[in-house]
Full PDB file with SEQRES, HELIX, SHEET, SSBOND, CRYST1, ORIGX, SCALE, CONECT and MASTER records, all heavy atoms in Angstrom:
SEQRES   1 A   33  GLY ALA LEU SER ILE ASN ARG ARG LEU ASP ASP CYS PHE          
SEQRES   2 A   33  LYS TYR LEU ASN LEU ALA VAL GLU LEU GLU PRO THR LEU          
SEQRES   3 A   33  GLU PRO LEU THR ASP PRO ASP                                  
HELIX    1 AA1 ALA A    2  ILE A    5  1                                   4    
HELIX    2 AA2 LEU A    9  LEU A   22  1                                  14    
HELIX    3 AA3 GLU A   27  THR A   30  5                                   4    
CRYST1    1.000    1.000    1.000  90.00  90.00  90.00 P 1           1          
ORIGX1      1.000000  0.000000  0.000000        0.00000                         
ORIGX2      0.000000  1.000000  0.000000        0.00000                         
ORIGX3      0.000000  0.000000  1.000000        0.00000                         
SCALE1      1.000000  0.000000  0.000000        0.00000                         
SCALE2      0.000000  1.000000  0.000000        0.00000                         
SCALE3      0.000000  0.000000  1.000000        0.00000                         
ATOM      1  N   GLY A   1      -0.749   1.442  -4.510  1.00  0.00           N  
ATOM      2  CA  GLY A   1      -1.806   2.390  -4.852  1.00  0.00           C  
ATOM      3  C   GLY A   1      -2.517   2.010  -6.142  1.00  0.00           C  
ATOM      4  O   GLY A   1      -3.757   2.061  -6.225  1.00  0.00           O  
ATOM      5  N   ALA A   2      -1.756   1.638  -7.157  1.00  0.00           N  
ATOM      6  CA  ALA A   2      -2.358   1.233  -8.428  1.00  0.00           C  
ATOM      7  C   ALA A   2      -3.198  -0.035  -8.262  1.00  0.00           C  
ATOM      8  O   ALA A   2      -4.282  -0.171  -8.844  1.00  0.00           O  
ATOM      9  CB  ALA A   2      -1.274   1.018  -9.477  1.00  0.00           C  
ATOM     10  N   LEU A   3      -2.710  -0.965  -7.452  1.00  0.00           N  
ATOM     11  CA  LEU A   3      -3.460  -2.196  -7.189  1.00  0.00           C  
ATOM     12  C   LEU A   3      -4.755  -1.901  -6.432  1.00  0.00           C  
ATOM     13  O   LEU A   3      -5.781  -2.553  -6.657  1.00  0.00           O  
ATOM     14  CB  LEU A   3      -2.590  -3.172  -6.406  1.00  0.00           C  
ATOM     15  CG  LEU A   3      -1.413  -3.770  -7.184  1.00  0.00           C  
ATOM     16  CD1 LEU A   3      -0.411  -4.409  -6.230  1.00  0.00           C  
ATOM     17  CD2 LEU A   3      -1.895  -4.789  -8.225  1.00  0.00           C  
ATOM     18  N   SER A   4      -4.708  -0.908  -5.543  1.00  0.00           N  
ATOM     19  CA  SER A   4      -5.917  -0.498  -4.833  1.00  0.00           C  
ATOM     20  C   SER A   4      -6.961   0.037  -5.805  1.00  0.00           C  
ATOM     21  O   SER A   4      -8.142  -0.344  -5.747  1.00  0.00           O  
ATOM     22  CB  SER A   4      -5.570   0.571  -3.787  1.00  0.00           C  
ATOM     23  OG  SER A   4      -6.741   1.147  -3.236  1.00  0.00           O  
ATOM     24  N   ILE A   5      -6.534   0.907  -6.711  1.00  0.00           N  
ATOM     25  CA  ILE A   5      -7.456   1.454  -7.708  1.00  0.00           C  
ATOM     26  C   ILE A   5      -8.054   0.329  -8.545  1.00  0.00           C  
ATOM     27  O   ILE A   5      -9.246   0.341  -8.868  1.00  0.00           O  
ATOM     28  CB  ILE A   5      -6.722   2.460  -8.614  1.00  0.00           C  
ATOM     29  CG1 ILE A   5      -6.261   3.668  -7.797  1.00  0.00           C  
ATOM     30  CG2 ILE A   5      -7.618   2.920  -9.759  1.00  0.00           C  
ATOM     31  CD1 ILE A   5      -5.330   4.601  -8.549  1.00  0.00           C  
ATOM     32  N   ASN A   6      -7.233  -0.653  -8.860  1.00  0.00           N  
ATOM     33  CA  ASN A   6      -7.656  -1.787  -9.687  1.00  0.00           C  
ATOM     34  C   ASN A   6      -8.427  -2.846  -8.898  1.00  0.00           C  
ATOM     35  O   ASN A   6      -8.825  -3.866  -9.433  1.00  0.00           O  
ATOM     36  CB  ASN A   6      -6.422  -2.424 -10.333  1.00  0.00           C  
ATOM     37  CG  ASN A   6      -6.717  -3.151 -11.635  1.00  0.00           C  
ATOM     38  OD1 ASN A   6      -6.320  -4.291 -11.814  1.00  0.00           O  
ATOM     39  ND2 ASN A   6      -7.404  -2.499 -12.562  1.00  0.00           N  
ATOM     40  N   ARG A   7      -8.585  -2.600  -7.592  1.00  0.00           N  
ATOM     41  CA  ARG A   7      -9.304  -3.483  -6.668  1.00  0.00           C  
ATOM     42  C   ARG A   7      -8.661  -4.866  -6.533  1.00  0.00           C  
ATOM     43  O   ARG A   7      -9.329  -5.850  -6.210  1.00  0.00           O  
ATOM     44  CB  ARG A   7     -10.779  -3.615  -7.069  1.00  0.00           C  
ATOM     45  CG  ARG A   7     -11.522  -2.294  -7.009  1.00  0.00           C  
ATOM     46  CD  ARG A   7     -13.003  -2.403  -7.228  1.00  0.00           C  
ATOM     47  NE  ARG A   7     -13.636  -1.089  -7.124  1.00  0.00           N  
ATOM     48  CZ  ARG A   7     -14.013  -0.527  -5.965  1.00  0.00           C  
ATOM     49  NH1 ARG A   7     -13.825  -1.177  -4.830  1.00  0.00           N  
ATOM     50  NH2 ARG A   7     -14.567   0.667  -5.943  1.00  0.00           N  
ATOM     51  N   ARG A   8      -7.373  -4.926  -6.736  1.00  0.00           N  
ATOM     52  CA  ARG A   8      -6.616  -6.164  -6.457  1.00  0.00           C  
ATOM     53  C   ARG A   8      -6.068  -6.017  -5.031  1.00  0.00           C  
ATOM     54  O   ARG A   8      -4.882  -5.777  -4.800  1.00  0.00           O  
ATOM     55  CB  ARG A   8      -5.501  -6.324  -7.478  1.00  0.00           C  
ATOM     56  CG  ARG A   8      -6.001  -6.683  -8.873  1.00  0.00           C  
ATOM     57  CD  ARG A   8      -4.876  -6.693  -9.906  1.00  0.00           C  
ATOM     58  NE  ARG A   8      -3.739  -7.507  -9.493  1.00  0.00           N  
ATOM     59  CZ  ARG A   8      -2.613  -7.613 -10.212  1.00  0.00           C  
ATOM     60  NH1 ARG A   8      -2.506  -6.964 -11.362  1.00  0.00           N  
ATOM     61  NH2 ARG A   8      -1.609  -8.355  -9.775  1.00  0.00           N  
ATOM     62  N   LEU A   9      -6.951  -6.176  -4.062  1.00  0.00           N  
ATOM     63  CA  LEU A   9      -6.619  -5.787  -2.694  1.00  0.00           C  
ATOM     64  C   LEU A   9      -5.693  -6.767  -1.987  1.00  0.00           C  
ATOM     65  O   LEU A   9      -4.916  -6.359  -1.120  1.00  0.00           O  
ATOM     66  CB  LEU A   9      -7.905  -5.568  -1.898  1.00  0.00           C  
ATOM     67  CG  LEU A   9      -8.775  -4.412  -2.419  1.00  0.00           C  
ATOM     68  CD1 LEU A   9     -10.001  -4.232  -1.553  1.00  0.00           C  
ATOM     69  CD2 LEU A   9      -7.977  -3.117  -2.485  1.00  0.00           C  
ATOM     70  N   ASP A  10      -5.748  -8.042  -2.319  1.00  0.00           N  
ATOM     71  CA  ASP A  10      -4.798  -8.984  -1.719  1.00  0.00           C  
ATOM     72  C   ASP A  10      -3.371  -8.559  -2.047  1.00  0.00           C  
ATOM     73  O   ASP A  10      -2.500  -8.492  -1.174  1.00  0.00           O  
ATOM     74  CB  ASP A  10      -5.048 -10.410  -2.221  1.00  0.00           C  
ATOM     75  CG  ASP A  10      -6.336 -11.010  -1.686  1.00  0.00           C  
ATOM     76  OD1 ASP A  10      -6.889 -10.444  -0.720  1.00  0.00           O  
ATOM     77  OD2 ASP A  10      -6.783 -12.029  -2.237  1.00  0.00           O  
ATOM     78  N   ASP A  11      -3.126  -8.275  -3.334  1.00  0.00           N  
ATOM     79  CA  ASP A  11      -1.796  -7.844  -3.749  1.00  0.00           C  
ATOM     80  C   ASP A  11      -1.460  -6.470  -3.186  1.00  0.00           C  
ATOM     81  O   ASP A  11      -0.307  -6.192  -2.819  1.00  0.00           O  
ATOM     82  CB  ASP A  11      -1.704  -7.807  -5.274  1.00  0.00           C  
ATOM     83  CG  ASP A  11      -1.681  -9.191  -5.898  1.00  0.00           C  
ATOM     84  OD1 ASP A  11      -1.248 -10.141  -5.210  1.00  0.00           O  
ATOM     85  OD2 ASP A  11      -2.098  -9.331  -7.064  1.00  0.00           O  
ATOM     86  N   CYS A  12      -2.448  -5.606  -3.106  1.00  0.00           N  
ATOM     87  CA  CYS A  12      -2.235  -4.263  -2.554  1.00  0.00           C  
ATOM     88  C   CYS A  12      -1.670  -4.351  -1.142  1.00  0.00           C  
ATOM     89  O   CYS A  12      -0.644  -3.715  -0.826  1.00  0.00           O  
ATOM     90  CB  CYS A  12      -3.552  -3.479  -2.552  1.00  0.00           C  
ATOM     91  SG  CYS A  12      -3.484  -1.912  -1.646  1.00  0.00           S  
ATOM     92  N   PHE A  13      -2.295  -5.121  -0.292  1.00  0.00           N  
ATOM     93  CA  PHE A  13      -1.822  -5.227   1.096  1.00  0.00           C  
ATOM     94  C   PHE A  13      -0.472  -5.946   1.168  1.00  0.00           C  
ATOM     95  O   PHE A  13       0.345  -5.646   2.044  1.00  0.00           O  
ATOM     96  CB  PHE A  13      -2.871  -5.920   1.960  1.00  0.00           C  
ATOM     97  CG  PHE A  13      -3.988  -5.000   2.376  1.00  0.00           C  
ATOM     98  CD1 PHE A  13      -5.219  -5.044   1.734  1.00  0.00           C  
ATOM     99  CD2 PHE A  13      -3.806  -4.080   3.397  1.00  0.00           C  
ATOM    100  CE1 PHE A  13      -6.247  -4.191   2.101  1.00  0.00           C  
ATOM    101  CE2 PHE A  13      -4.818  -3.221   3.772  1.00  0.00           C  
ATOM    102  CZ  PHE A  13      -6.046  -3.275   3.125  1.00  0.00           C  
ATOM    103  N   LYS A  14      -0.223  -6.847   0.256  1.00  0.00           N  
ATOM    104  CA  LYS A  14       1.085  -7.526   0.212  1.00  0.00           C  
ATOM    105  C   LYS A  14       2.200  -6.506   0.031  1.00  0.00           C  
ATOM    106  O   LYS A  14       3.184  -6.496   0.795  1.00  0.00           O  
ATOM    107  CB  LYS A  14       1.105  -8.536  -0.929  1.00  0.00           C  
ATOM    108  CG  LYS A  14       2.497  -9.106  -1.213  1.00  0.00           C  
ATOM    109  CD  LYS A  14       2.493  -9.977  -2.469  1.00  0.00           C  
ATOM    110  CE  LYS A  14       3.905 -10.390  -2.874  1.00  0.00           C  
ATOM    111  NZ  LYS A  14       3.891 -11.230  -4.107  1.00  0.00           N  
ATOM    112  N   TYR A  15       2.052  -5.621  -0.946  1.00  0.00           N  
ATOM    113  CA  TYR A  15       3.128  -4.667  -1.231  1.00  0.00           C  
ATOM    114  C   TYR A  15       3.154  -3.523  -0.218  1.00  0.00           C  
ATOM    115  O   TYR A  15       4.229  -2.970   0.061  1.00  0.00           O  
ATOM    116  CB  TYR A  15       3.000  -4.159  -2.672  1.00  0.00           C  
ATOM    117  CG  TYR A  15       3.296  -5.249  -3.664  1.00  0.00           C  
ATOM    118  CD1 TYR A  15       2.281  -5.840  -4.407  1.00  0.00           C  
ATOM    119  CD2 TYR A  15       4.596  -5.723  -3.829  1.00  0.00           C  
ATOM    120  CE1 TYR A  15       2.547  -6.864  -5.299  1.00  0.00           C  
ATOM    121  CE2 TYR A  15       4.874  -6.752  -4.717  1.00  0.00           C  
ATOM    122  CZ  TYR A  15       3.848  -7.322  -5.450  1.00  0.00           C  
ATOM    123  OH  TYR A  15       4.121  -8.357  -6.327  1.00  0.00           O  
ATOM    124  N   LEU A  16       2.006  -3.185   0.343  1.00  0.00           N  
ATOM    125  CA  LEU A  16       2.000  -2.205   1.430  1.00  0.00           C  
ATOM    126  C   LEU A  16       2.828  -2.712   2.609  1.00  0.00           C  
ATOM    127  O   LEU A  16       3.638  -1.972   3.180  1.00  0.00           O  
ATOM    128  CB  LEU A  16       0.570  -1.931   1.895  1.00  0.00           C  
ATOM    129  CG  LEU A  16      -0.246  -0.894   1.127  1.00  0.00           C  
ATOM    130  CD1 LEU A  16      -1.642  -0.793   1.721  1.00  0.00           C  
ATOM    131  CD2 LEU A  16       0.439   0.473   1.148  1.00  0.00           C  
ATOM    132  N   ASN A  17       2.622  -3.944   2.968  1.00  0.00           N  
ATOM    133  CA  ASN A  17       3.364  -4.517   4.103  1.00  0.00           C  
ATOM    134  C   ASN A  17       4.856  -4.609   3.817  1.00  0.00           C  
ATOM    135  O   ASN A  17       5.680  -4.374   4.703  1.00  0.00           O  
ATOM    136  CB  ASN A  17       2.788  -5.890   4.463  1.00  0.00           C  
ATOM    137  CG  ASN A  17       1.486  -5.780   5.241  1.00  0.00           C  
ATOM    138  OD1 ASN A  17       1.430  -5.158   6.294  1.00  0.00           O  
ATOM    139  ND2 ASN A  17       0.432  -6.387   4.728  1.00  0.00           N  
ATOM    140  N   LEU A  18       5.212  -4.908   2.571  1.00  0.00           N  
ATOM    141  CA  LEU A  18       6.624  -4.940   2.201  1.00  0.00           C  
ATOM    142  C   LEU A  18       7.249  -3.550   2.326  1.00  0.00           C  
ATOM    143  O   LEU A  18       8.378  -3.396   2.803  1.00  0.00           O  
ATOM    144  CB  LEU A  18       6.788  -5.462   0.772  1.00  0.00           C  
ATOM    145  CG  LEU A  18       6.520  -6.957   0.555  1.00  0.00           C  
ATOM    146  CD1 LEU A  18       6.568  -7.289  -0.936  1.00  0.00           C  
ATOM    147  CD2 LEU A  18       7.540  -7.796   1.322  1.00  0.00           C  
ATOM    148  N   ALA A  19       6.503  -2.529   1.930  1.00  0.00           N  
ATOM    149  CA  ALA A  19       7.008  -1.157   2.033  1.00  0.00           C  
ATOM    150  C   ALA A  19       7.195  -0.750   3.488  1.00  0.00           C  
ATOM    151  O   ALA A  19       8.195  -0.116   3.850  1.00  0.00           O  
ATOM    152  CB  ALA A  19       6.055  -0.195   1.334  1.00  0.00           C  
ATOM    153  N   VAL A  20       6.254  -1.127   4.337  1.00  0.00           N  
ATOM    154  CA  VAL A  20       6.338  -0.773   5.758  1.00  0.00           C  
ATOM    155  C   VAL A  20       7.513  -1.485   6.423  1.00  0.00           C  
ATOM    156  O   VAL A  20       8.174  -0.927   7.305  1.00  0.00           O  
ATOM    157  CB  VAL A  20       5.019  -1.110   6.475  1.00  0.00           C  
ATOM    158  CG1 VAL A  20       5.156  -0.951   7.987  1.00  0.00           C  
ATOM    159  CG2 VAL A  20       3.902  -0.216   5.956  1.00  0.00           C  
ATOM    160  N   GLU A  21       7.786  -2.719   6.004  1.00  0.00           N  
ATOM    161  CA  GLU A  21       8.935  -3.439   6.551  1.00  0.00           C  
ATOM    162  C   GLU A  21      10.242  -2.700   6.256  1.00  0.00           C  
ATOM    163  O   GLU A  21      11.165  -2.706   7.065  1.00  0.00           O  
ATOM    164  CB  GLU A  21       8.990  -4.854   5.967  1.00  0.00           C  
ATOM    165  CG  GLU A  21       7.912  -5.783   6.507  1.00  0.00           C  
ATOM    166  CD  GLU A  21       7.936  -7.139   5.828  1.00  0.00           C  
ATOM    167  OE1 GLU A  21       8.911  -7.407   5.073  1.00  0.00           O  
ATOM    168  OE2 GLU A  21       6.998  -7.934   6.018  1.00  0.00           O  
ATOM    169  N   LEU A  22      10.313  -2.046   5.100  1.00  0.00           N  
ATOM    170  CA  LEU A  22      11.513  -1.290   4.740  1.00  0.00           C  
ATOM    171  C   LEU A  22      11.607   0.007   5.542  1.00  0.00           C  
ATOM    172  O   LEU A  22      12.686   0.377   6.004  1.00  0.00           O  
ATOM    173  CB  LEU A  22      11.499  -0.969   3.235  1.00  0.00           C  
ATOM    174  CG  LEU A  22      11.698  -2.157   2.297  1.00  0.00           C  
ATOM    175  CD1 LEU A  22      11.507  -1.717   0.850  1.00  0.00           C  
ATOM    176  CD2 LEU A  22      13.083  -2.774   2.474  1.00  0.00           C  
ATOM    177  N   GLU A  23      10.489   0.709   5.682  1.00  0.00           N  
ATOM    178  CA  GLU A  23      10.479   1.960   6.437  1.00  0.00           C  
ATOM    179  C   GLU A  23       9.041   2.293   6.834  1.00  0.00           C  
ATOM    180  O   GLU A  23       8.199   2.538   5.964  1.00  0.00           O  
ATOM    181  CB  GLU A  23      11.062   3.102   5.611  1.00  0.00           C  
ATOM    182  CG  GLU A  23      11.161   4.405   6.390  1.00  0.00           C  
ATOM    183  CD  GLU A  23      11.708   5.537   5.535  1.00  0.00           C  
ATOM    184  OE1 GLU A  23      12.056   5.288   4.362  1.00  0.00           O  
ATOM    185  OE2 GLU A  23      11.776   6.669   6.038  1.00  0.00           O  
ATOM    186  N   PRO A  24       8.741   2.335   8.133  1.00  0.00           N  
ATOM    187  CA  PRO A  24       7.362   2.596   8.570  1.00  0.00           C  
ATOM    188  C   PRO A  24       7.019   4.088   8.605  1.00  0.00           C  
ATOM    189  O   PRO A  24       6.895   4.697   9.660  1.00  0.00           O  
ATOM    190  CB  PRO A  24       7.343   1.988   9.974  1.00  0.00           C  
ATOM    191  CG  PRO A  24       8.742   2.163  10.468  1.00  0.00           C  
ATOM    192  CD  PRO A  24       9.625   1.992   9.261  1.00  0.00           C  
ATOM    193  N   THR A  25       6.847   4.700   7.428  1.00  0.00           N  
ATOM    194  CA  THR A  25       6.395   6.087   7.380  1.00  0.00           C  
ATOM    195  C   THR A  25       4.873   6.110   7.300  1.00  0.00           C  
ATOM    196  O   THR A  25       4.234   5.109   6.940  1.00  0.00           O  
ATOM    197  CB  THR A  25       6.973   6.831   6.168  1.00  0.00           C  
ATOM    198  OG1 THR A  25       6.373   6.314   4.970  1.00  0.00           O  
ATOM    199  CG2 THR A  25       8.488   6.666   6.104  1.00  0.00           C  
ATOM    200  N   LEU A  26       4.306   7.267   7.599  1.00  0.00           N  
ATOM    201  CA  LEU A  26       2.847   7.399   7.632  1.00  0.00           C  
ATOM    202  C   LEU A  26       2.249   7.725   6.264  1.00  0.00           C  
ATOM    203  O   LEU A  26       1.034   7.878   6.138  1.00  0.00           O  
ATOM    204  CB  LEU A  26       2.457   8.494   8.631  1.00  0.00           C  
ATOM    205  CG  LEU A  26       2.895   8.251  10.080  1.00  0.00           C  
ATOM    206  CD1 LEU A  26       2.525   9.451  10.941  1.00  0.00           C  
ATOM    207  CD2 LEU A  26       2.267   6.974  10.635  1.00  0.00           C  
ATOM    208  N   GLU A  27       3.065   7.798   5.247  1.00  0.00           N  
ATOM    209  CA  GLU A  27       2.604   8.200   3.919  1.00  0.00           C  
ATOM    210  C   GLU A  27       1.399   7.414   3.407  1.00  0.00           C  
ATOM    211  O   GLU A  27       0.470   8.008   2.839  1.00  0.00           O  
ATOM    212  CB  GLU A  27       3.767   8.096   2.932  1.00  0.00           C  
ATOM    213  CG  GLU A  27       3.459   8.591   1.549  1.00  0.00           C  
ATOM    214  CD  GLU A  27       4.650   8.493   0.621  1.00  0.00           C  
ATOM    215  OE1 GLU A  27       5.772   8.188   1.093  1.00  0.00           O  
ATOM    216  OE2 GLU A  27       4.470   8.721  -0.587  1.00  0.00           O  
ATOM    217  N   PRO A  28       1.353   6.079   3.579  1.00  0.00           N  
ATOM    218  CA  PRO A  28       0.181   5.355   3.064  1.00  0.00           C  
ATOM    219  C   PRO A  28      -1.145   5.806   3.673  1.00  0.00           C  
ATOM    220  O   PRO A  28      -2.196   5.653   3.045  1.00  0.00           O  
ATOM    221  CB  PRO A  28       0.484   3.897   3.443  1.00  0.00           C  
ATOM    222  CG  PRO A  28       1.965   3.830   3.563  1.00  0.00           C  
ATOM    223  CD  PRO A  28       2.367   5.160   4.129  1.00  0.00           C  
ATOM    224  N   LEU A  29      -1.107   6.375   4.876  1.00  0.00           N  
ATOM    225  CA  LEU A  29      -2.346   6.715   5.568  1.00  0.00           C  
ATOM    226  C   LEU A  29      -3.030   7.950   4.994  1.00  0.00           C  
ATOM    227  O   LEU A  29      -4.186   8.224   5.309  1.00  0.00           O  
ATOM    228  CB  LEU A  29      -2.059   6.910   7.062  1.00  0.00           C  
ATOM    229  CG  LEU A  29      -1.408   5.702   7.748  1.00  0.00           C  
ATOM    230  CD1 LEU A  29      -1.258   5.957   9.230  1.00  0.00           C  
ATOM    231  CD2 LEU A  29      -2.202   4.422   7.491  1.00  0.00           C  
ATOM    232  N   THR A  30      -2.306   8.696   4.149  1.00  0.00           N  
ATOM    233  CA  THR A  30      -2.925   9.851   3.499  1.00  0.00           C  
ATOM    234  C   THR A  30      -2.906   9.713   1.973  1.00  0.00           C  
ATOM    235  O   THR A  30      -3.235  10.664   1.266  1.00  0.00           O  
ATOM    236  CB  THR A  30      -2.191  11.151   3.887  1.00  0.00           C  
ATOM    237  OG1 THR A  30      -0.803  11.055   3.540  1.00  0.00           O  
ATOM    238  CG2 THR A  30      -2.327  11.426   5.375  1.00  0.00           C  
ATOM    239  N   ASP A  31      -2.545   8.547   1.482  1.00  0.00           N  
ATOM    240  CA  ASP A  31      -2.426   8.341   0.036  1.00  0.00           C  
ATOM    241  C   ASP A  31      -3.818   8.232  -0.595  1.00  0.00           C  
ATOM    242  O   ASP A  31      -4.583   7.317  -0.282  1.00  0.00           O  
ATOM    243  CB  ASP A  31      -1.632   7.054  -0.226  1.00  0.00           C  
ATOM    244  CG  ASP A  31      -1.286   6.872  -1.692  1.00  0.00           C  
ATOM    245  OD1 ASP A  31      -1.965   7.454  -2.550  1.00  0.00           O  
ATOM    246  OD2 ASP A  31      -0.325   6.133  -1.974  1.00  0.00           O  
ATOM    247  N   PRO A  32      -4.149   9.139  -1.518  1.00  0.00           N  
ATOM    248  CA  PRO A  32      -5.488   9.094  -2.124  1.00  0.00           C  
ATOM    249  C   PRO A  32      -5.720   7.877  -3.002  1.00  0.00           C  
ATOM    250  O   PRO A  32      -6.869   7.474  -3.205  1.00  0.00           O  
ATOM    251  CB  PRO A  32      -5.542  10.392  -2.946  1.00  0.00           C  
ATOM    252  CG  PRO A  32      -4.113  10.731  -3.213  1.00  0.00           C  
ATOM    253  CD  PRO A  32      -3.360  10.279  -2.003  1.00  0.00           C  
ATOM    254  N   ASP A  33      -4.647   7.269  -3.516  1.00  0.00           N  
ATOM    255  CA  ASP A  33      -4.833   6.070  -4.338  1.00  0.00           C  
ATOM    256  C   ASP A  33      -5.247   4.866  -3.505  1.00  0.00           C  
ATOM    257  O   ASP A  33      -5.651   3.837  -4.058  1.00  0.00           O  
ATOM    258  CB  ASP A  33      -3.544   5.745  -5.098  1.00  0.00           C  
ATOM    259  CG  ASP A  33      -3.328   6.664  -6.299  1.00  0.00           C  
ATOM    260  OD1 ASP A  33      -4.262   7.424  -6.629  1.00  0.00           O  
ATOM    261  OD2 ASP A  33      -2.231   6.626  -6.889  1.00  0.00           O  
TER     262      ASP A  33                                                      
MASTER        0    0    0    3    0    0    0    6  261    1    0    3          
END                                                                             
């Protein structure tokens, strides 16, 4: 989320995918950050 705000989107998607690999919850889909 912080990387998204900072517009470092390559890194943002990297850590999003790592989080989903651990547990695929829907939380990112409503995250305002």
